[in-house]
């Protein structure tokens, strides 16, 4: 019982709500971030249109951190990208020159302060959005 109470407290203590997205202040690699979001919320954040990103930036006061989002390469097609919750992306907001898959190891994506996306190595420890 104590573990459950601690877990619920931990899920509540490390987040900051931004509209429909939750900014998680702890840092994790992409896989850990995905597991945390699925345990405590629904999944890593996804965006279907520019207005979703604009809302996130507005709700955050225009100041968002580089953070994991729920975007990853399709394991069956290295040129396609999927959302963590399933389904290929239909809207793209890549920064110039992205995704570039440096050394063939950038299989996940981050959102930058500009709202643009970059591919990144999944082992980086970053904040994330659920």
Protein backbone atom coordinates (compact mmCIF):
# COMPACT_ATOMS: atom_id res chain seq x y z
CA UNK A 1 0.00 0.00 0.00
CA UNK A 2 2.85 2.40 0.83
CA UNK A 3 4.39 1.80 -2.61
CA UNK A 4 1.12 2.72 -4.32
CA UNK A 5 0.77 5.92 -2.31
CA UNK A 6 4.40 6.84 -3.02
CA UNK A 7 3.95 6.14 -6.74
CA UNK A 8 0.82 8.32 -6.95
CA UNK A 9 2.63 11.08 -5.05
CA UNK A 10 5.63 10.81 -7.40
CA UNK A 11 3.39 11.08 -10.47
CA UNK A 12 1.76 14.20 -9.04
CA UNK A 13 4.92 15.84 -7.69
CA UNK A 14 6.96 16.02 -10.89
CA UNK A 15 4.49 17.48 -13.35
CA UNK A 16 3.29 20.88 -14.43
CA UNK A 17 0.10 21.11 -16.47
CA UNK A 18 0.23 23.03 -19.75
CA UNK A 19 -3.17 22.91 -21.41
CA UNK A 20 -3.80 19.32 -22.41
CA UNK A 21 -0.09 18.55 -22.15
CA UNK A 22 1.74 17.83 -18.92
CA UNK A 23 5.34 19.00 -18.64
CA UNK A 24 7.34 16.49 -16.62
CA UNK A 25 10.19 18.17 -14.79
CA UNK A 26 12.23 15.05 -14.15
CA UNK A 27 14.61 13.88 -16.87
CA UNK A 28 14.50 10.49 -18.54
CA UNK A 29 15.52 8.78 -21.75
CA UNK A 30 12.76 8.36 -24.36
CA UNK A 31 11.79 4.83 -23.30
CA UNK A 32 11.59 5.78 -19.61
CA UNK A 33 9.58 8.89 -20.51
CA UNK A 34 7.12 6.81 -22.52
CA UNK A 35 6.73 4.31 -19.67
CA UNK A 36 6.19 7.11 -17.14
CA UNK A 37 3.56 8.82 -19.30
CA UNK A 38 1.73 5.56 -19.86
CA UNK A 39 1.79 4.78 -16.13
CA UNK A 40 0.77 8.22 -14.85
CA UNK A 41 -1.15 9.75 -17.76
CA UNK A 42 -1.95 8.40 -21.22
CA UNK A 43 1.18 8.58 -23.37
CA UNK A 44 3.87 10.97 -24.54
CA UNK A 45 2.44 14.10 -26.20
CA UNK A 46 1.47 14.15 -29.86
CA UNK A 47 0.44 16.94 -32.22
CA UNK A 48 -1.96 16.71 -35.17
CA UNK A 49 -1.81 20.34 -36.32
CA UNK A 50 0.15 23.54 -35.86
CA UNK A 51 -2.55 24.94 -33.57
CA UNK A 52 -1.76 22.13 -31.06
CA UNK A 53 1.86 23.31 -30.87
CA UNK A 54 0.83 26.98 -30.77
CA UNK A 55 -1.45 26.20 -27.80
CA UNK A 56 1.34 24.37 -25.96
CA UNK A 57 3.70 27.33 -26.47
CA UNK A 58 1.04 29.89 -25.50
CA UNK A 59 0.00 27.97 -22.37
CA UNK A 60 3.69 27.71 -21.39
CA UNK A 61 4.10 31.47 -21.73
CA UNK A 62 6.07 31.03 -24.95
CA UNK A 63 8.87 29.31 -23.06
CA UNK A 64 9.12 25.56 -23.57
CA UNK A 65 12.16 23.39 -22.93
CA UNK A 66 13.72 20.93 -25.32
CA UNK A 67 11.76 17.84 -24.36
CA UNK A 68 10.74 14.41 -25.57
CA UNK A 69 7.47 14.04 -27.44
CA UNK A 70 5.81 10.81 -28.51
CA UNK A 71 7.38 10.63 -31.96
CA UNK A 72 9.61 7.74 -33.04
CA UNK A 73 10.78 6.05 -36.23
CA UNK A 74 8.64 3.22 -37.54
CA UNK A 75 10.71 0.11 -36.74
CA UNK A 76 9.54 -1.44 -40.02
CA UNK A 77 10.27 1.61 -42.22
CA UNK A 78 13.24 3.78 -41.29
CA UNK A 79 11.92 6.77 -43.27
CA UNK A 80 8.47 6.83 -41.62
CA UNK A 81 7.59 8.32 -38.23
CA UNK A 82 4.89 7.16 -35.80
CA UNK A 83 3.29 8.47 -32.63
CA UNK A 84 3.90 6.51 -29.45
CA UNK A 85 0.18 5.75 -29.18
CA UNK A 86 0.15 4.30 -32.71
CA UNK A 87 -0.38 5.62 -36.19
CA UNK A 88 1.92 7.37 -38.62
CA UNK A 89 2.23 11.14 -38.50
CA UNK A 90 -0.03 13.14 -40.79
CA UNK A 91 1.26 16.56 -39.70
CA UNK A 92 4.98 17.38 -39.61
CA UNK A 93 6.80 20.26 -37.93
CA UNK A 94 10.46 19.38 -38.43
CA UNK A 95 13.16 22.02 -37.98
CA UNK A 96 15.21 22.83 -41.08
CA UNK A 97 17.43 19.88 -42.00
CA UNK A 98 15.51 17.48 -39.76
CA UNK A 99 15.15 14.60 -39.35
CA UNK A 100 18.80 13.94 -40.19
CA UNK A 101 19.44 10.68 -38.29
CA UNK A 102 23.07 11.42 -37.43
CA UNK A 103 25.08 8.17 -37.37
CA UNK A 104 21.82 6.25 -37.92
CA UNK A 105 20.95 6.47 -34.22
CA UNK A 106 18.35 9.25 -33.94
CA UNK A 107 15.12 7.29 -33.69
CA UNK A 108 13.04 9.54 -31.42
CA UNK A 109 12.01 13.18 -31.49
CA UNK A 110 12.15 16.25 -29.28
CA UNK A 111 10.26 19.50 -29.44
CA UNK A 112 12.45 22.63 -29.37
CA UNK A 113 11.61 26.02 -27.82
CA UNK A 114 10.53 27.16 -31.30
CA UNK A 115 7.96 24.35 -31.43
CA UNK A 116 9.92 22.66 -34.22
CA UNK A 117 10.94 19.01 -33.98
CA UNK A 118 14.37 17.37 -34.09
CA UNK A 119 15.23 13.71 -34.20
CA UNK A 120 17.45 12.67 -31.29
CA UNK A 121 19.16 9.66 -29.74
CA UNK A 122 16.79 7.89 -27.39
CA UNK A 123 19.39 7.64 -24.62
CA UNK A 124 19.51 11.40 -23.97
CA UNK A 125 18.07 12.41 -20.60
CA UNK A 126 15.54 15.18 -21.13
CA UNK A 127 12.33 16.59 -19.71
CA UNK A 128 9.22 15.39 -21.53
CA UNK A 129 5.57 16.10 -22.26
CA UNK A 130 2.73 13.68 -21.55
